[in-house]
Amino acid sequence: MAGRGLVSAYAALRYDTSVRLKDGRGAGRHVLWPAGWKVCAQDPAAGTDLRGRRVTLTVVRRTESCR
């Protein structure tokens, strides 16, 4: 998911996947408009079976760079 826009990342996940968003700047910001954010990292790693697991996406605003 890293490098994708948040809307695209949501679309790639199964409808029943639990998703937690984490502010990549550590400021505790909340995502109110997903189209304005991008994914920097994910947990668990790509290729992991997600059934019954929560996915954590670390996100920043589109205008910010991933650290």
PDB file of N, CA and C in Angstrom:
ATOM      1  N   MET A   1       0.803  -1.194   0.000  1.00  0.00           N
ATOM      2  CA  MET A   1       0.000   0.000   0.000  1.00  0.00           C
ATOM      3  C   MET A   1       0.851   1.265   0.000  1.00  0.00           C
ATOM      4  N   ALA A   2       2.096   1.155   0.435  1.00  0.00           N
ATOM      5  CA  ALA A   2       2.954   2.338   0.534  1.00  0.00           C
ATOM      6  C   ALA A   2       3.046   3.048  -0.808  1.00  0.00           C
ATOM      7  N   GLY A   3       2.898   4.356  -0.779  1.00  0.00           N
ATOM      8  CA  GLY A   3       2.962   5.159  -1.988  1.00  0.00           C
ATOM      9  C   GLY A   3       1.605   5.419  -2.620  1.00  0.00           C
ATOM     10  N   ARG A   4       0.596   4.671  -2.240  1.00  0.00           N
ATOM     11  CA  ARG A   4      -0.751   4.857  -2.789  1.00  0.00           C
ATOM     12  C   ARG A   4      -1.477   5.963  -2.047  1.00  0.00           C
ATOM     13  N   GLY A   5      -2.449   6.533  -2.726  1.00  0.00           N
ATOM     14  CA  GLY A   5      -3.361   7.432  -2.042  1.00  0.00           C
ATOM     15  C   GLY A   5      -4.226   6.613  -1.104  1.00  0.00           C
ATOM     16  N   LEU A   6      -4.732   7.226  -0.060  1.00  0.00           N
ATOM     17  CA  LEU A   6      -5.525   6.495   0.926  1.00  0.00           C
ATOM     18  C   LEU A   6      -6.806   5.922   0.327  1.00  0.00           C
ATOM     19  N   VAL A   7      -7.447   6.638  -0.565  1.00  0.00           N
ATOM     20  CA  VAL A   7      -8.666   6.131  -1.202  1.00  0.00           C
ATOM     21  C   VAL A   7      -8.349   4.870  -1.996  1.00  0.00           C
ATOM     22  N   SER A   8      -7.255   4.863  -2.731  1.00  0.00           N
ATOM     23  CA  SER A   8      -6.835   3.698  -3.501  1.00  0.00           C
ATOM     24  C   SER A   8      -6.503   2.520  -2.585  1.00  0.00           C
ATOM     25  N   ALA A   9      -5.877   2.803  -1.464  1.00  0.00           N
ATOM     26  CA  ALA A   9      -5.541   1.748  -0.507  1.00  0.00           C
ATOM     27  C   ALA A   9      -6.807   1.105   0.053  1.00  0.00           C
ATOM     28  N   TYR A  10      -7.786   1.931   0.424  1.00  0.00           N
ATOM     29  CA  TYR A  10      -9.065   1.395   0.903  1.00  0.00           C
ATOM     30  C   TYR A  10      -9.703   0.495  -0.159  1.00  0.00           C
ATOM     31  N   ALA A  11      -9.669   0.924  -1.405  1.00  0.00           N
ATOM     32  CA  ALA A  11     -10.291   0.164  -2.487  1.00  0.00           C
ATOM     33  C   ALA A  11      -9.611  -1.192  -2.692  1.00  0.00           C
ATOM     34  N   ALA A  12      -8.334  -1.285  -2.377  1.00  0.00           N
ATOM     35  CA  ALA A  12      -7.590  -2.532  -2.569  1.00  0.00           C
ATOM     36  C   ALA A  12      -7.842  -3.546  -1.451  1.00  0.00           C
ATOM     37  N   LEU A  13      -8.386  -3.097  -0.342  1.00  0.00           N
ATOM     38  CA  LEU A  13      -8.637  -3.994   0.787  1.00  0.00           C
ATOM     39  C   LEU A  13     -10.021  -4.616   0.687  1.00  0.00           C
ATOM     40  N   ARG A  14     -10.167  -5.775   1.301  1.00  0.00           N
ATOM     41  CA  ARG A  14     -11.482  -6.413   1.365  1.00  0.00           C
ATOM     42  C   ARG A  14     -12.410  -5.561   2.213  1.00  0.00           C
ATOM     43  N   TYR A  15     -13.685  -5.619   1.909  1.00  0.00           N
ATOM     44  CA  TYR A  15     -14.675  -4.802   2.617  1.00  0.00           C
ATOM     45  C   TYR A  15     -14.724  -5.099   4.114  1.00  0.00           C
ATOM     46  N   ASP A  16     -14.351  -6.308   4.524  1.00  0.00           N
ATOM     47  CA  ASP A  16     -14.453  -6.682   5.928  1.00  0.00           C
ATOM     48  C   ASP A  16     -13.134  -6.535   6.696  1.00  0.00           C
ATOM     49  N   THR A  17     -12.148  -5.881   6.084  1.00  0.00           N
ATOM     50  CA  THR A  17     -10.860  -5.681   6.736  1.00  0.00           C
ATOM     51  C   THR A  17     -10.947  -4.493   7.697  1.00  0.00           C
ATOM     52  N   SER A  18     -10.515  -4.706   8.921  1.00  0.00           N
ATOM     53  CA  SER A  18     -10.468  -3.635   9.913  1.00  0.00           C
ATOM     54  C   SER A  18      -9.220  -2.793   9.660  1.00  0.00           C
ATOM     55  N   VAL A  19      -9.391  -1.487   9.537  1.00  0.00           N
ATOM     56  CA  VAL A  19      -8.280  -0.595   9.217  1.00  0.00           C
ATOM     57  C   VAL A  19      -8.109   0.442  10.321  1.00  0.00           C
ATOM     58  N   ARG A  20      -6.876   0.597  10.762  1.00  0.00           N
ATOM     59  CA  ARG A  20      -6.508   1.642  11.725  1.00  0.00           C
ATOM     60  C   ARG A  20      -5.575   2.595  11.002  1.00  0.00           C
ATOM     61  N   LEU A  21      -5.796   3.894  11.149  1.00  0.00           N
ATOM     62  CA  LEU A  21      -4.922   4.892  10.533  1.00  0.00           C
ATOM     63  C   LEU A  21      -4.029   5.506  11.592  1.00  0.00           C
ATOM     64  N   LYS A  22      -2.753   5.658  11.256  1.00  0.00           N
ATOM     65  CA  LYS A  22      -1.768   6.223  12.171  1.00  0.00           C
ATOM     66  C   LYS A  22      -1.121   7.420  11.485  1.00  0.00           C
ATOM     67  N   ASP A  23      -1.077   8.546  12.168  1.00  0.00           N
ATOM     68  CA  ASP A  23      -0.470   9.753  11.621  1.00  0.00           C
ATOM     69  C   ASP A  23       1.038   9.556  11.528  1.00  0.00           C
ATOM     70  N   GLY A  24       1.573   9.627  10.319  1.00  0.00           N
ATOM     71  CA  GLY A  24       2.995   9.433  10.086  1.00  0.00           C
ATOM     72  C   GLY A  24       3.870  10.528  10.659  1.00  0.00           C
ATOM     73  N   ARG A  25       3.295  11.650  11.040  1.00  0.00           N
ATOM     74  CA  ARG A  25       4.042  12.751  11.649  1.00  0.00           C
ATOM     75  C   ARG A  25       4.040  12.653  13.173  1.00  0.00           C
ATOM     76  N   GLY A  26       3.273  11.698  13.703  1.00  0.00           N
ATOM     77  CA  GLY A  26       3.222  11.532  15.145  1.00  0.00           C
ATOM     78  C   GLY A  26       2.452  12.617  15.870  1.00  0.00           C
ATOM     79  N   ALA A  27       1.671  13.381  15.139  1.00  0.00           N
ATOM     80  CA  ALA A  27       0.929  14.498  15.723  1.00  0.00           C
ATOM     81  C   ALA A  27      -0.482  14.101  16.166  1.00  0.00           C
ATOM     82  N   GLY A  28      -0.882  12.866  15.902  1.00  0.00           N
ATOM     83  CA  GLY A  28      -2.206  12.416  16.306  1.00  0.00           C
ATOM     84  C   GLY A  28      -3.337  13.015  15.494  1.00  0.00           C
ATOM     85  N   ARG A  29      -3.028  13.467  14.277  1.00  0.00           N
ATOM     86  CA  ARG A  29      -4.071  14.062  13.433  1.00  0.00           C
ATOM     87  C   ARG A  29      -5.063  12.998  12.986  1.00  0.00           C
ATOM     88  N   HIS A  30      -6.293  13.424  12.765  1.00  0.00           N
ATOM     89  CA  HIS A  30      -7.344  12.525  12.290  1.00  0.00           C
ATOM     90  C   HIS A  30      -7.584  12.773  10.804  1.00  0.00           C
ATOM     91  N   VAL A  31      -7.872  11.718  10.079  1.00  0.00           N
ATOM     92  CA  VAL A  31      -8.152  11.819   8.647  1.00  0.00           C
ATOM     93  C   VAL A  31      -9.637  12.106   8.475  1.00  0.00           C
ATOM     94  N   LEU A  32      -9.947  13.299   8.013  1.00  0.00           N
ATOM     95  CA  LEU A  32     -11.339  13.666   7.765  1.00  0.00           C
ATOM     96  C   LEU A  32     -11.699  13.538   6.294  1.00  0.00           C
ATOM     97  N   TRP A  33     -10.720  13.712   5.417  1.00  0.00           N
ATOM     98  CA  TRP A  33     -10.934  13.627   3.973  1.00  0.00           C
ATOM     99  C   TRP A  33      -9.859  12.700   3.397  1.00  0.00           C
ATOM    100  N   PRO A  34     -10.142  11.395   3.229  1.00  0.00           N
ATOM    101  CA  PRO A  34      -9.142  10.421   2.790  1.00  0.00           C
ATOM    102  C   PRO A  34      -8.432  10.781   1.487  1.00  0.00           C
ATOM    103  N   ALA A  35      -9.093  11.503   0.588  1.00  0.00           N
ATOM    104  CA  ALA A  35      -8.469  11.840  -0.695  1.00  0.00           C
ATOM    105  C   ALA A  35      -7.255  12.754  -0.527  1.00  0.00           C
ATOM    106  N   GLY A  36      -7.125  13.396   0.610  1.00  0.00           N
ATOM    107  CA  GLY A  36      -6.020  14.306   0.854  1.00  0.00           C
ATOM    108  C   GLY A  36      -4.821  13.655   1.539  1.00  0.00           C
ATOM    109  N   TRP A  37      -4.846  12.329   1.682  1.00  0.00           N
ATOM    110  CA  TRP A  37      -3.799  11.616   2.412  1.00  0.00           C
ATOM    111  C   TRP A  37      -3.194  10.497   1.560  1.00  0.00           C
ATOM    112  N   LYS A  38      -1.956  10.110   1.875  1.00  0.00           N
ATOM    113  CA  LYS A  38      -1.296   8.998   1.192  1.00  0.00           C
ATOM    114  C   LYS A  38      -0.694   8.060   2.229  1.00  0.00           C
ATOM    115  N   VAL A  39      -0.466   6.826   1.811  1.00  0.00           N
ATOM    116  CA  VAL A  39       0.052   5.787   2.694  1.00  0.00           C
ATOM    117  C   VAL A  39       1.575   5.757   2.623  1.00  0.00           C
ATOM    118  N   CYS A  40       2.211   5.750   3.783  1.00  0.00           N
ATOM    119  CA  CYS A  40       3.675   5.657   3.867  1.00  0.00           C
ATOM    120  C   CYS A  40       4.127   4.248   4.243  1.00  0.00           C
ATOM    121  N   ALA A  41       3.344   3.577   5.058  1.00  0.00           N
ATOM    122  CA  ALA A  41       3.727   2.242   5.530  1.00  0.00           C
ATOM    123  C   ALA A  41       2.479   1.466   5.917  1.00  0.00           C
ATOM    124  N   GLN A  42       2.653   0.158   6.028  1.00  0.00           N
ATOM    125  CA  GLN A  42       1.544  -0.699   6.426  1.00  0.00           C
ATOM    126  C   GLN A  42       2.038  -1.786   7.356  1.00  0.00           C
ATOM    127  N   ASP A  43       1.136  -2.266   8.191  1.00  0.00           N
ATOM    128  CA  ASP A  43       1.404  -3.397   9.059  1.00  0.00           C
ATOM    129  C   ASP A  43       0.125  -4.194   9.170  1.00  0.00           C
ATOM    130  N   PRO A  44       0.124  -5.461   8.868  1.00  0.00           N
ATOM    131  CA  PRO A  44       1.247  -6.331   8.529  1.00  0.00           C
ATOM    132  C   PRO A  44       1.779  -6.067   7.120  1.00  0.00           C
ATOM    133  N   ALA A  45       2.882  -6.707   6.822  1.00  0.00           N
ATOM    134  CA  ALA A  45       3.578  -6.523   5.544  1.00  0.00           C
ATOM    135  C   ALA A  45       2.734  -7.001   4.369  1.00  0.00           C
ATOM    136  N   ALA A  46       3.046  -6.483   3.199  1.00  0.00           N
ATOM    137  CA  ALA A  46       2.374  -6.894   1.962  1.00  0.00           C
ATOM    138  C   ALA A  46       2.487  -8.402   1.789  1.00  0.00           C
ATOM    139  N   GLY A  47       1.425  -9.009   1.290  1.00  0.00           N
ATOM    140  CA  GLY A  47       1.417 -10.445   1.042  1.00  0.00           C
ATOM    141  C   GLY A  47       0.921 -11.281   2.212  1.00  0.00           C
ATOM    142  N   THR A  48       0.701 -10.655   3.364  1.00  0.00           N
ATOM    143  CA  THR A  48       0.206 -11.352   4.541  1.00  0.00           C
ATOM    144  C   THR A  48      -1.292 -11.586   4.406  1.00  0.00           C
ATOM    145  N   ASP A  49      -1.758 -12.765   4.821  1.00  0.00           N
ATOM    146  CA  ASP A  49      -3.190 -13.059   4.817  1.00  0.00           C
ATOM    147  C   ASP A  49      -3.861 -12.160   5.859  1.00  0.00           C
ATOM    148  N   LEU A  50      -4.826 -11.370   5.432  1.00  0.00           N
ATOM    149  CA  LEU A  50      -5.433 -10.368   6.302  1.00  0.00           C
ATOM    150  C   LEU A  50      -6.716 -10.823   6.976  1.00  0.00           C
ATOM    151  N   ARG A  51      -7.204 -12.003   6.644  1.00  0.00           N
ATOM    152  CA  ARG A  51      -8.468 -12.447   7.238  1.00  0.00           C
ATOM    153  C   ARG A  51      -8.372 -12.477   8.763  1.00  0.00           C
ATOM    154  N   GLY A  52      -9.273 -11.728   9.385  1.00  0.00           N
ATOM    155  CA  GLY A  52      -9.314 -11.683  10.834  1.00  0.00           C
ATOM    156  C   GLY A  52      -8.249 -10.803  11.470  1.00  0.00           C
ATOM    157  N   ARG A  53      -7.510 -10.053  10.682  1.00  0.00           N
ATOM    158  CA  ARG A  53      -6.450  -9.194  11.204  1.00  0.00           C
ATOM    159  C   ARG A  53      -6.764  -7.737  10.934  1.00  0.00           C
ATOM    160  N   ARG A  54      -6.295  -6.886  11.799  1.00  0.00           N
ATOM    161  CA  ARG A  54      -6.409  -5.441  11.590  1.00  0.00           C
ATOM    162  C   ARG A  54      -5.190  -4.963  10.804  1.00  0.00           C
ATOM    163  N   VAL A  55      -5.423  -4.055   9.890  1.00  0.00           N
ATOM    164  CA  VAL A  55      -4.353  -3.446   9.112  1.00  0.00           C
ATOM    165  C   VAL A  55      -4.128  -2.036   9.647  1.00  0.00           C
ATOM    166  N   THR A  56      -2.873  -1.695   9.903  1.00  0.00           N
ATOM    167  CA  THR A  56      -2.523  -0.336  10.306  1.00  0.00           C
ATOM    168  C   THR A  56      -1.829   0.340   9.139  1.00  0.00           C
ATOM    169  N   LEU A  57      -2.384   1.448   8.693  1.00  0.00           N
ATOM    170  CA  LEU A  57      -1.787   2.228   7.618  1.00  0.00           C
ATOM    171  C   LEU A  57      -1.248   3.527   8.217  1.00  0.00           C
ATOM    172  N   THR A  58       0.040   3.761   8.013  1.00  0.00           N
ATOM    173  CA  THR A  58       0.659   5.002   8.445  1.00  0.00           C
ATOM    174  C   THR A  58       0.524   5.991   7.298  1.00  0.00           C
ATOM    175  N   VAL A  59      -0.100   7.132   7.563  1.00  0.00           N
ATOM    176  CA  VAL A  59      -0.447   8.079   6.506  1.00  0.00           C
ATOM    177  C   VAL A  59       0.056   9.480   6.805  1.00  0.00           C
ATOM    178  N   VAL A  60       0.278  10.244   5.739  1.00  0.00           N
ATOM    179  CA  VAL A  60       0.590  11.676   5.824  1.00  0.00           C
ATOM    180  C   VAL A  60      -0.250  12.388   4.771  1.00  0.00           C
ATOM    181  N   ARG A  61      -0.358  13.692   4.891  1.00  0.00           N
ATOM    182  CA  ARG A  61      -1.069  14.456   3.863  1.00  0.00           C
ATOM    183  C   ARG A  61      -0.329  14.329   2.552  1.00  0.00           C
ATOM    184  N   ARG A  62      -1.041  14.410   1.454  1.00  0.00           N
ATOM    185  CA  ARG A  62      -0.441  14.247   0.116  1.00  0.00           C
ATOM    186  C   ARG A  62       0.721  15.200  -0.137  1.00  0.00           C
ATOM    187  N   THR A  63       0.691  16.369   0.459  1.00  0.00           N
ATOM    188  CA  THR A  63       1.738  17.372   0.234  1.00  0.00           C
ATOM    189  C   THR A  63       2.972  17.146   1.098  1.00  0.00           C
ATOM    190  N   GLU A  64       2.913  16.178   2.007  1.00  0.00           N
ATOM    191  CA  GLU A  64       4.033  15.879   2.902  1.00  0.00           C
ATOM    192  C   GLU A  64       4.812  14.672   2.393  1.00  0.00           C
ATOM    193  N   SER A  65       6.061  14.568   2.816  1.00  0.00           N
ATOM    194  CA  SER A  65       6.849  13.406   2.435  1.00  0.00           C
ATOM    195  C   SER A  65       6.859  12.396   3.581  1.00  0.00           C
ATOM    196  N   CYS A  66       6.995  11.142   3.203  1.00  0.00           N
ATOM    197  CA  CYS A  66       7.118  10.080   4.197  1.00  0.00           C
ATOM    198  C   CYS A  66       8.525  10.168   4.794  1.00  0.00           C
ATOM    199  N   ARG A  67       8.642   9.957   6.054  1.00  0.00           N
ATOM    200  CA  ARG A  67       9.954  10.024   6.710  1.00  0.00           C
ATOM    201  C   ARG A  67      10.686   8.739   6.559  1.00  0.00           C
TER     202      ARG A  67
END
